[in-house]
Amino acid sequence: MFCSLQDGKLWFCTNNTKDVYKDMQANPEVEVSVSSPEYAWIRLAGKAVFENNMAVKEGCMNNPIVKGQYQTADNPIFKVFYLEDPHGVIADFSGNPPYEF
């Protein structure tokens, strides 16, 4: 789940009991994709770097969904990560070329 933009990094969160967390530990090269109701989408790819960054974790607690799942930033299963050397693509079905960044 996306948490925040902090210090020029897009931060995401997960928990260490999920299979996806274990997969990311074994292979940190990941891609995240989200689409809109208008059939546009964004894909972000990069290396997932996990940090025990309490400032980021505290910021994530502002999201009621995250707060409901983990209650506190110091919950031991609560993990945050950012994408190192990210690459992104925004595209849709309009026929226009995708925007890469």
PDB file of N, CA and C in Angstrom:
ATOM      1  N   MET A   1       0.843  -1.167   0.000  1.00  0.00           N
ATOM      2  CA  MET A   1       0.000   0.000   0.000  1.00  0.00           C
ATOM      3  C   MET A   1       0.895   1.238   0.000  1.00  0.00           C
ATOM      4  N   PHE A   2       0.525   2.240  -0.815  1.00  0.00           N
ATOM      5  CA  PHE A   2       1.262   3.500  -0.831  1.00  0.00           C
ATOM      6  C   PHE A   2       1.004   4.245   0.468  1.00  0.00           C
ATOM      7  N   CYS A   3       2.077   4.797   1.050  1.00  0.00           N
ATOM      8  CA  CYS A   3       1.955   5.550   2.310  1.00  0.00           C
ATOM      9  C   CYS A   3       2.165   7.038   2.118  1.00  0.00           C
ATOM     10  N   SER A   4       3.319   7.410   1.537  1.00  0.00           N
ATOM     11  CA  SER A   4       3.618   8.835   1.470  1.00  0.00           C
ATOM     12  C   SER A   4       4.788   9.118   0.536  1.00  0.00           C
ATOM     13  N   LEU A   5       4.922  10.398   0.237  1.00  0.00           N
ATOM     14  CA  LEU A   5       6.104  10.913  -0.453  1.00  0.00           C
ATOM     15  C   LEU A   5       6.885  11.674   0.597  1.00  0.00           C
ATOM     16  N   GLN A   6       8.093  11.225   0.888  1.00  0.00           N
ATOM     17  CA  GLN A   6       8.907  11.866   1.915  1.00  0.00           C
ATOM     18  C   GLN A   6      10.367  11.827   1.479  1.00  0.00           C
ATOM     19  N   ASP A   7      11.030  12.973   1.569  1.00  0.00           N
ATOM     20  CA  ASP A   7      12.441  13.085   1.190  1.00  0.00           C
ATOM     21  C   ASP A   7      12.678  12.628  -0.247  1.00  0.00           C
ATOM     22  N   GLY A   8      11.717  12.917  -1.128  1.00  0.00           N
ATOM     23  CA  GLY A   8      11.854  12.564  -2.538  1.00  0.00           C
ATOM     24  C   GLY A   8      11.668  11.088  -2.840  1.00  0.00           C
ATOM     25  N   LYS A   9      11.162  10.327  -1.888  1.00  0.00           N
ATOM     26  CA  LYS A   9      10.955   8.891  -2.074  1.00  0.00           C
ATOM     27  C   LYS A   9       9.481   8.561  -1.908  1.00  0.00           C
ATOM     28  N   LEU A  10       8.993   7.649  -2.747  1.00  0.00           N
ATOM     29  CA  LEU A  10       7.648   7.108  -2.592  1.00  0.00           C
ATOM     30  C   LEU A  10       7.741   5.938  -1.622  1.00  0.00           C
ATOM     31  N   TRP A  11       7.039   6.036  -0.512  1.00  0.00           N
ATOM     32  CA  TRP A  11       7.076   5.008   0.527  1.00  0.00           C
ATOM     33  C   TRP A  11       5.812   4.161   0.482  1.00  0.00           C
ATOM     34  N   PHE A  12       5.986   2.867   0.659  1.00  0.00           N
ATOM     35  CA  PHE A  12       4.909   1.892   0.672  1.00  0.00           C
ATOM     36  C   PHE A  12       5.005   1.103   1.971  1.00  0.00           C
ATOM     37  N   CYS A  13       3.937   0.382   2.290  1.00  0.00           N
ATOM     38  CA  CYS A  13       3.997  -0.452   3.488  1.00  0.00           C
ATOM     39  C   CYS A  13       3.394  -1.820   3.225  1.00  0.00           C
ATOM     40  N   THR A  14       3.796  -2.754   4.060  1.00  0.00           N
ATOM     41  CA  THR A  14       3.268  -4.111   4.055  1.00  0.00           C
ATOM     42  C   THR A  14       3.512  -4.685   5.449  1.00  0.00           C
ATOM     43  N   ASN A  15       3.288  -5.978   5.609  1.00  0.00           N
ATOM     44  CA  ASN A  15       3.646  -6.574   6.901  1.00  0.00           C
ATOM     45  C   ASN A  15       4.443  -7.849   6.679  1.00  0.00           C
ATOM     46  N   ASN A  16       5.252  -8.170   7.665  1.00  0.00           N
ATOM     47  CA  ASN A  16       6.213  -9.254   7.490  1.00  0.00           C
ATOM     48  C   ASN A  16       5.626 -10.655   7.639  1.00  0.00           C
ATOM     49  N   THR A  17       4.308 -10.767   7.786  1.00  0.00           N
ATOM     50  CA  THR A  17       3.676 -12.086   7.810  1.00  0.00           C
ATOM     51  C   THR A  17       3.115 -12.472   6.443  1.00  0.00           C
ATOM     52  N   LYS A  18       3.139 -11.554   5.495  1.00  0.00           N
ATOM     53  CA  LYS A  18       2.576 -11.807   4.164  1.00  0.00           C
ATOM     54  C   LYS A  18       3.594 -12.502   3.259  1.00  0.00           C
ATOM     55  N   ASP A  19       3.078 -13.347   2.373  1.00  0.00           N
ATOM     56  CA  ASP A  19       3.945 -14.006   1.396  1.00  0.00           C
ATOM     57  C   ASP A  19       4.648 -12.992   0.503  1.00  0.00           C
ATOM     58  N   VAL A  20       3.962 -11.892   0.174  1.00  0.00           N
ATOM     59  CA  VAL A  20       4.575 -10.894  -0.702  1.00  0.00           C
ATOM     60  C   VAL A  20       5.811 -10.285  -0.040  1.00  0.00           C
ATOM     61  N   TYR A  21       5.804 -10.111   1.263  1.00  0.00           N
ATOM     62  CA  TYR A  21       6.979  -9.602   1.980  1.00  0.00           C
ATOM     63  C   TYR A  21       8.142 -10.582   1.832  1.00  0.00           C
ATOM     64  N   LYS A  22       7.855 -11.857   2.019  1.00  0.00           N
ATOM     65  CA  LYS A  22       8.899 -12.875   1.877  1.00  0.00           C
ATOM     66  C   LYS A  22       9.427 -12.910   0.444  1.00  0.00           C
ATOM     67  N   ASP A  23       8.536 -12.779  -0.530  1.00  0.00           N
ATOM     68  CA  ASP A  23       8.962 -12.729  -1.935  1.00  0.00           C
ATOM     69  C   ASP A  23       9.867 -11.531  -2.190  1.00  0.00           C
ATOM     70  N   MET A  24       9.508 -10.379  -1.608  1.00  0.00           N
ATOM     71  CA  MET A  24      10.303  -9.164  -1.813  1.00  0.00           C
ATOM     72  C   MET A  24      11.665  -9.262  -1.136  1.00  0.00           C
ATOM     73  N   GLN A  25      11.761 -10.020  -0.060  1.00  0.00           N
ATOM     74  CA  GLN A  25      13.058 -10.238   0.573  1.00  0.00           C
ATOM     75  C   GLN A  25      13.952 -11.086  -0.332  1.00  0.00           C
ATOM     76  N   ALA A  26      13.361 -12.076  -0.987  1.00  0.00           N
ATOM     77  CA  ALA A  26      14.120 -12.957  -1.879  1.00  0.00           C
ATOM     78  C   ALA A  26      14.449 -12.281  -3.206  1.00  0.00           C
ATOM     79  N   ASN A  27      13.529 -11.471  -3.712  1.00  0.00           N
ATOM     80  CA  ASN A  27      13.722 -10.778  -4.988  1.00  0.00           C
ATOM     81  C   ASN A  27      13.147  -9.373  -4.850  1.00  0.00           C
ATOM     82  N   PRO A  28      13.983  -8.391  -4.520  1.00  0.00           N
ATOM     83  CA  PRO A  28      13.484  -7.042  -4.250  1.00  0.00           C
ATOM     84  C   PRO A  28      13.124  -6.216  -5.487  1.00  0.00           C
ATOM     85  N   GLU A  29      13.350  -6.745  -6.687  1.00  0.00           N
ATOM     86  CA  GLU A  29      12.948  -6.015  -7.894  1.00  0.00           C
ATOM     87  C   GLU A  29      11.439  -6.158  -8.050  1.00  0.00           C
ATOM     88  N   VAL A  30      10.706  -5.050  -7.885  1.00  0.00           N
ATOM     89  CA  VAL A  30       9.246  -5.105  -7.874  1.00  0.00           C
ATOM     90  C   VAL A  30       8.643  -4.115  -8.864  1.00  0.00           C
ATOM     91  N   GLU A  31       7.368  -4.307  -9.130  1.00  0.00           N
ATOM     92  CA  GLU A  31       6.600  -3.373  -9.941  1.00  0.00           C
ATOM     93  C   GLU A  31       5.235  -3.209  -9.293  1.00  0.00           C
ATOM     94  N   VAL A  32       4.792  -1.964  -9.202  1.00  0.00           N
ATOM     95  CA  VAL A  32       3.492  -1.623  -8.637  1.00  0.00           C
ATOM     96  C   VAL A  32       2.677  -0.992  -9.754  1.00  0.00           C
ATOM     97  N   SER A  33       1.429  -1.397  -9.892  1.00  0.00           N
ATOM     98  CA  SER A  33       0.577  -0.858 -10.948  1.00  0.00           C
ATOM     99  C   SER A  33      -0.790  -0.510 -10.376  1.00  0.00           C
ATOM    100  N   VAL A  34      -1.313   0.633 -10.816  1.00  0.00           N
ATOM    101  CA  VAL A  34      -2.634   1.093 -10.388  1.00  0.00           C
ATOM    102  C   VAL A  34      -3.346   1.647 -11.612  1.00  0.00           C
ATOM    103  N   SER A  35      -4.643   1.370 -11.727  1.00  0.00           N
ATOM    104  CA  SER A  35      -5.412   1.899 -12.858  1.00  0.00           C
ATOM    105  C   SER A  35      -6.556   2.770 -12.358  1.00  0.00           C
ATOM    106  N   SER A  36      -7.037   3.604 -13.271  1.00  0.00           N
ATOM    107  CA  SER A  36      -8.146   4.501 -12.955  1.00  0.00           C
ATOM    108  C   SER A  36      -9.425   3.985 -13.609  1.00  0.00           C
ATOM    109  N   PRO A  37     -10.575   4.493 -13.194  1.00  0.00           N
ATOM    110  CA  PRO A  37     -11.831   4.112 -13.849  1.00  0.00           C
ATOM    111  C   PRO A  37     -11.866   4.503 -15.330  1.00  0.00           C
ATOM    112  N   GLU A  38     -11.011   5.458 -15.720  1.00  0.00           N
ATOM    113  CA  GLU A  38     -10.952   5.904 -17.117  1.00  0.00           C
ATOM    114  C   GLU A  38      -9.972   5.067 -17.938  1.00  0.00           C
ATOM    115  N   TYR A  39      -9.487   3.968 -17.398  1.00  0.00           N
ATOM    116  CA  TYR A  39      -8.570   3.049 -18.077  1.00  0.00           C
ATOM    117  C   TYR A  39      -7.202   3.656 -18.356  1.00  0.00           C
ATOM    118  N   ALA A  40      -6.762   4.532 -17.499  1.00  0.00           N
ATOM    119  CA  ALA A  40      -5.376   5.000 -17.516  1.00  0.00           C
ATOM    120  C   ALA A  40      -4.664   4.257 -16.387  1.00  0.00           C
ATOM    121  N   TRP A  41      -3.372   4.086 -16.517  1.00  0.00           N
ATOM    122  CA  TRP A  41      -2.646   3.378 -15.475  1.00  0.00           C
ATOM    123  C   TRP A  41      -1.239   3.921 -15.316  1.00  0.00           C
ATOM    124  N   ILE A  42      -0.689   3.644 -14.151  1.00  0.00           N
ATOM    125  CA  ILE A  42       0.693   3.984 -13.850  1.00  0.00           C
ATOM    126  C   ILE A  42       1.372   2.715 -13.358  1.00  0.00           C
ATOM    127  N   ARG A  43       2.592   2.523 -13.834  1.00  0.00           N
ATOM    128  CA  ARG A  43       3.424   1.409 -13.371  1.00  0.00           C
ATOM    129  C   ARG A  43       4.716   1.987 -12.825  1.00  0.00           C
ATOM    130  N   LEU A  44       5.086   1.574 -11.647  1.00  0.00           N
ATOM    131  CA  LEU A  44       6.346   1.979 -11.026  1.00  0.00           C
ATOM    132  C   LEU A  44       7.167   0.727 -10.768  1.00  0.00           C
ATOM    133  N   ALA A  45       8.419   0.760 -11.185  1.00  0.00           N
ATOM    134  CA  ALA A  45       9.308  -0.379 -10.987  1.00  0.00           C
ATOM    135  C   ALA A  45      10.585   0.093 -10.314  1.00  0.00           C
ATOM    136  N   GLY A  46      11.184  -0.768  -9.531  1.00  0.00           N
ATOM    137  CA  GLY A  46      12.446  -0.455  -8.875  1.00  0.00           C
ATOM    138  C   GLY A  46      12.787  -1.519  -7.854  1.00  0.00           C
ATOM    139  N   LYS A  47      13.846  -1.263  -7.123  1.00  0.00           N
ATOM    140  CA  LYS A  47      14.281  -2.182  -6.075  1.00  0.00           C
ATOM    141  C   LYS A  47      13.663  -1.753  -4.750  1.00  0.00           C
ATOM    142  N   ALA A  48      12.946  -2.668  -4.111  1.00  0.00           N
ATOM    143  CA  ALA A  48      12.337  -2.389  -2.807  1.00  0.00           C
ATOM    144  C   ALA A  48      13.426  -2.376  -1.738  1.00  0.00           C
ATOM    145  N   VAL A  49      13.534  -1.232  -1.060  1.00  0.00           N
ATOM    146  CA  VAL A  49      14.509  -1.084   0.020  1.00  0.00           C
ATOM    147  C   VAL A  49      13.733  -0.872   1.320  1.00  0.00           C
ATOM    148  N   PHE A  50      13.829  -1.834   2.215  1.00  0.00           N
ATOM    149  CA  PHE A  50      13.135  -1.750   3.497  1.00  0.00           C
ATOM    150  C   PHE A  50      13.998  -0.994   4.496  1.00  0.00           C
ATOM    151  N   GLU A  51      13.366  -0.098   5.242  1.00  0.00           N
ATOM    152  CA  GLU A  51      14.039   0.661   6.297  1.00  0.00           C
ATOM    153  C   GLU A  51      13.114   0.732   7.501  1.00  0.00           C
ATOM    154  N   ASN A  52      13.679   0.695   8.671  1.00  0.00           N
ATOM    155  CA  ASN A  52      12.888   0.894   9.885  1.00  0.00           C
ATOM    156  C   ASN A  52      12.854   2.397  10.177  1.00  0.00           C
ATOM    157  N   ASN A  53      12.205   3.142   9.298  1.00  0.00           N
ATOM    158  CA  ASN A  53      12.161   4.603   9.360  1.00  0.00           C
ATOM    159  C   ASN A  53      10.918   5.017  10.154  1.00  0.00           C
ATOM    160  N   MET A  54      11.115   5.366  11.419  1.00  0.00           N
ATOM    161  CA  MET A  54       9.978   5.675  12.291  1.00  0.00           C
ATOM    162  C   MET A  54       9.232   6.931  11.853  1.00  0.00           C
ATOM    163  N   ALA A  55       9.927   7.905  11.271  1.00  0.00           N
ATOM    164  CA  ALA A  55       9.236   9.108  10.791  1.00  0.00           C
ATOM    165  C   ALA A  55       8.254   8.743   9.683  1.00  0.00           C
ATOM    166  N   VAL A  56       8.666   7.876   8.781  1.00  0.00           N
ATOM    167  CA  VAL A  56       7.774   7.429   7.706  1.00  0.00           C
ATOM    168  C   VAL A  56       6.631   6.604   8.290  1.00  0.00           C
ATOM    169  N   LYS A  57       6.950   5.705   9.204  1.00  0.00           N
ATOM    170  CA  LYS A  57       5.906   4.878   9.815  1.00  0.00           C
ATOM    171  C   LYS A  57       4.870   5.737  10.537  1.00  0.00           C
ATOM    172  N   GLU A  58       5.329   6.752  11.252  1.00  0.00           N
ATOM    173  CA  GLU A  58       4.398   7.664  11.933  1.00  0.00           C
ATOM    174  C   GLU A  58       3.509   8.368  10.912  1.00  0.00           C
ATOM    175  N   GLY A  59       4.093   8.796   9.793  1.00  0.00           N
ATOM    176  CA  GLY A  59       3.312   9.441   8.739  1.00  0.00           C
ATOM    177  C   GLY A  59       2.276   8.508   8.143  1.00  0.00           C
ATOM    178  N   CYS A  60       2.624   7.246   8.007  1.00  0.00           N
ATOM    179  CA  CYS A  60       1.684   6.257   7.470  1.00  0.00           C
ATOM    180  C   CYS A  60       0.464   6.095   8.370  1.00  0.00           C
ATOM    181  N   MET A  61       0.637   6.341   9.657  1.00  0.00           N
ATOM    182  CA  MET A  61      -0.472   6.205  10.604  1.00  0.00           C
ATOM    183  C   MET A  61      -1.565   7.245  10.354  1.00  0.00           C
ATOM    184  N   ASN A  62      -1.292   8.258   9.524  1.00  0.00           N
ATOM    185  CA  ASN A  62      -2.328   9.229   9.156  1.00  0.00           C
ATOM    186  C   ASN A  62      -3.368   8.623   8.225  1.00  0.00           C
ATOM    187  N   ASN A  63      -3.038   7.497   7.600  1.00  0.00           N
ATOM    188  CA  ASN A  63      -3.985   6.794   6.743  1.00  0.00           C
ATOM    189  C   ASN A  63      -4.832   5.887   7.635  1.00  0.00           C
ATOM    190  N   PRO A  64      -6.157   6.106   7.677  1.00  0.00           N
ATOM    191  CA  PRO A  64      -6.993   5.309   8.581  1.00  0.00           C
ATOM    192  C   PRO A  64      -6.952   3.810   8.293  1.00  0.00           C
ATOM    193  N   ILE A  65      -6.729   3.422   7.051  1.00  0.00           N
ATOM    194  CA  ILE A  65      -6.641   1.989   6.733  1.00  0.00           C
ATOM    195  C   ILE A  65      -5.392   1.394   7.372  1.00  0.00           C
ATOM    196  N   VAL A  66      -4.264   2.094   7.229  1.00  0.00           N
ATOM    197  CA  VAL A  66      -3.009   1.629   7.830  1.00  0.00           C
ATOM    198  C   VAL A  66      -3.134   1.603   9.350  1.00  0.00           C
ATOM    199  N   LYS A  67      -3.668   2.674   9.911  1.00  0.00           N
ATOM    200  CA  LYS A  67      -3.847   2.754  11.372  1.00  0.00           C
ATOM    201  C   LYS A  67      -4.729   1.607  11.870  1.00  0.00           C
ATOM    202  N   GLY A  68      -5.784   1.299  11.125  1.00  0.00           N
ATOM    203  CA  GLY A  68      -6.672   0.209  11.511  1.00  0.00           C
ATOM    204  C   GLY A  68      -6.001  -1.151  11.472  1.00  0.00           C
ATOM    205  N   GLN A  69      -5.074  -1.336  10.541  1.00  0.00           N
ATOM    206  CA  GLN A  69      -4.390  -2.627  10.432  1.00  0.00           C
ATOM    207  C   GLN A  69      -3.286  -2.806  11.464  1.00  0.00           C
ATOM    208  N   TYR A  70      -2.535  -1.732  11.725  1.00  0.00           N
ATOM    209  CA  TYR A  70      -1.323  -1.867  12.543  1.00  0.00           C
ATOM    210  C   TYR A  70      -1.390  -1.146  13.891  1.00  0.00           C
ATOM    211  N   GLN A  71      -2.351  -0.286  14.102  1.00  0.00           N
ATOM    212  CA  GLN A  71      -2.589   0.476  15.333  1.00  0.00           C
ATOM    213  C   GLN A  71      -1.470   1.461  15.680  1.00  0.00           C
ATOM    214  N   THR A  72      -0.218   1.018  15.712  1.00  0.00           N
ATOM    215  CA  THR A  72       0.888   1.905  16.082  1.00  0.00           C
ATOM    216  C   THR A  72       2.063   1.728  15.121  1.00  0.00           C
ATOM    217  N   ALA A  73       2.867   2.772  15.020  1.00  0.00           N
ATOM    218  CA  ALA A  73       4.028   2.744  14.121  1.00  0.00           C
ATOM    219  C   ALA A  73       5.074   1.734  14.572  1.00  0.00           C
ATOM    220  N   ASP A  74       5.089   1.390  15.843  1.00  0.00           N
ATOM    221  CA  ASP A  74       6.107   0.454  16.325  1.00  0.00           C
ATOM    222  C   ASP A  74       5.641  -1.005  16.337  1.00  0.00           C
ATOM    223  N   ASN A  75       4.508  -1.282  15.686  1.00  0.00           N
ATOM    224  CA  ASN A  75       4.040  -2.657  15.550  1.00  0.00           C
ATOM    225  C   ASN A  75       5.139  -3.466  14.844  1.00  0.00           C
ATOM    226  N   PRO A  76       5.595  -4.568  15.425  1.00  0.00           N
ATOM    227  CA  PRO A  76       6.737  -5.291  14.851  1.00  0.00           C
ATOM    228  C   PRO A  76       6.492  -5.918  13.478  1.00  0.00           C
ATOM    229  N   ILE A  77       5.242  -6.117  13.083  1.00  0.00           N
ATOM    230  CA  ILE A  77       5.001  -6.680  11.750  1.00  0.00           C
ATOM    231  C   ILE A  77       4.908  -5.603  10.669  1.00  0.00           C
ATOM    232  N   PHE A  78       4.800  -4.341  11.053  1.00  0.00           N
ATOM    233  CA  PHE A  78       4.619  -3.208  10.139  1.00  0.00           C
ATOM    234  C   PHE A  78       5.958  -2.837   9.503  1.00  0.00           C
ATOM    235  N   LYS A  79       6.042  -2.926   8.174  1.00  0.00           N
ATOM    236  CA  LYS A  79       7.280  -2.655   7.443  1.00  0.00           C
ATOM    237  C   LYS A  79       7.033  -1.597   6.373  1.00  0.00           C
ATOM    238  N   VAL A  80       8.012  -0.718   6.186  1.00  0.00           N
ATOM    239  CA  VAL A  80       7.929   0.300   5.137  1.00  0.00           C
ATOM    240  C   VAL A  80       9.118   0.149   4.198  1.00  0.00           C
ATOM    241  N   PHE A  81       8.884   0.509   2.936  1.00  0.00           N
ATOM    242  CA  PHE A  81       9.941   0.433   1.939  1.00  0.00           C
ATOM    243  C   PHE A  81       9.734   1.507   0.888  1.00  0.00           C
ATOM    244  N   TYR A  82      10.805   1.833   0.185  1.00  0.00           N
ATOM    245  CA  TYR A  82      10.740   2.745  -0.949  1.00  0.00           C
ATOM    246  C   TYR A  82      11.352   2.053  -2.152  1.00  0.00           C
ATOM    247  N   LEU A  83      11.142   2.633  -3.330  1.00  0.00           N
ATOM    248  CA  LEU A  83      11.711   2.079  -4.553  1.00  0.00           C
ATOM    249  C   LEU A  83      12.996   2.813  -4.892  1.00  0.00           C
ATOM    250  N   GLU A  84      14.088   2.074  -4.954  1.00  0.00           N
ATOM    251  CA  GLU A  84      15.383   2.627  -5.339  1.00  0.00           C
ATOM    252  C   GLU A  84      15.482   2.614  -6.860  1.00  0.00           C
ATOM    253  N   ASP A  85      16.024   3.687  -7.432  1.00  0.00           N
ATOM    254  CA  ASP A  85      16.152   3.825  -8.890  1.00  0.00           C
ATOM    255  C   ASP A  85      14.828   3.527  -9.597  1.00  0.00           C
ATOM    256  N   PRO A  86      13.760   4.227  -9.207  1.00  0.00           N
ATOM    257  CA  PRO A  86      12.449   3.918  -9.792  1.00  0.00           C
ATOM    258  C   PRO A  86      12.348   4.332 -11.253  1.00  0.00           C
ATOM    259  N   HIS A  87      11.519   3.605 -11.964  1.00  0.00           N
ATOM    260  CA  HIS A  87      11.163   3.920 -13.344  1.00  0.00           C
ATOM    261  C   HIS A  87       9.647   3.856 -13.419  1.00  0.00           C
ATOM    262  N   GLY A  88       9.041   4.832 -14.062  1.00  0.00           N
ATOM    263  CA  GLY A  88       7.588   4.859 -14.138  1.00  0.00           C
ATOM    264  C   GLY A  88       7.075   5.033 -15.548  1.00  0.00           C
ATOM    265  N   VAL A  89       5.872   4.553 -15.774  1.00  0.00           N
ATOM    266  CA  VAL A  89       5.178   4.699 -17.051  1.00  0.00           C
ATOM    267  C   VAL A  89       3.724   5.034 -16.749  1.00  0.00           C
ATOM    268  N   ILE A  90       3.232   6.085 -17.406  1.00  0.00           N
ATOM    269  CA  ILE A  90       1.810   6.419 -17.362  1.00  0.00           C
ATOM    270  C   ILE A  90       1.274   6.203 -18.763  1.00  0.00           C
ATOM    271  N   ALA A  91       0.201   5.438 -18.881  1.00  0.00           N
ATOM    272  CA  ALA A  91      -0.337   5.106 -20.198  1.00  0.00           C
ATOM    273  C   ALA A  91      -1.854   4.974 -20.124  1.00  0.00           C
ATOM    274  N   ASP A  92      -2.466   4.937 -21.311  1.00  0.00           N
ATOM    275  CA  ASP A  92      -3.907   4.714 -21.418  1.00  0.00           C
ATOM    276  C   ASP A  92      -4.193   4.141 -22.799  1.00  0.00           C
ATOM    277  N   PHE A  93      -5.466   3.993 -23.121  1.00  0.00           N
ATOM    278  CA  PHE A  93      -5.856   3.427 -24.407  1.00  0.00           C
ATOM    279  C   PHE A  93      -6.168   4.497 -25.446  1.00  0.00           C
ATOM    280  N   SER A  94      -5.693   5.726 -25.242  1.00  0.00           N
ATOM    281  CA  SER A  94      -6.014   6.830 -26.146  1.00  0.00           C
ATOM    282  C   SER A  94      -5.279   6.754 -27.476  1.00  0.00           C
ATOM    283  N   GLY A  95      -4.229   5.977 -27.535  1.00  0.00           N
ATOM    284  CA  GLY A  95      -3.395   5.949 -28.729  1.00  0.00           C
ATOM    285  C   GLY A  95      -2.185   6.859 -28.615  1.00  0.00           C
ATOM    286  N   ASN A  96      -2.172   7.719 -27.609  1.00  0.00           N
ATOM    287  CA  ASN A  96      -1.007   8.565 -27.365  1.00  0.00           C
ATOM    288  C   ASN A  96       0.128   7.708 -26.806  1.00  0.00           C
ATOM    289  N   PRO A  97       1.371   8.113 -27.069  1.00  0.00           N
ATOM    290  CA  PRO A  97       2.480   7.322 -26.528  1.00  0.00           C
ATOM    291  C   PRO A  97       2.519   7.406 -25.002  1.00  0.00           C
ATOM    292  N   PRO A  98       2.985   6.355 -24.353  1.00  0.00           N
ATOM    293  CA  PRO A  98       3.102   6.386 -22.892  1.00  0.00           C
ATOM    294  C   PRO A  98       4.099   7.450 -22.456  1.00  0.00           C
ATOM    295  N   TYR A  99       3.895   7.982 -21.261  1.00  0.00           N
ATOM    296  CA  TYR A  99       4.819   8.938 -20.666  1.00  0.00           C
ATOM    297  C   TYR A  99       5.718   8.163 -19.714  1.00  0.00           C
ATOM    298  N   GLU A 100       7.018   8.220 -19.949  1.00  0.00           N
ATOM    299  CA  GLU A 100       7.970   7.511 -19.101  1.00  0.00           C
ATOM    300  C   GLU A 100       8.788   8.500 -18.298  1.00  0.00           C
ATOM    301  N   PHE A 101       9.086   8.131 -17.083  1.00  0.00           N
ATOM    302  CA  PHE A 101       9.900   8.979 -16.213  1.00  0.00           C
ATOM    303  C   PHE A 101      10.755   8.118 -15.308  1.00  0.00           C
TER     304      PHE A 101
END
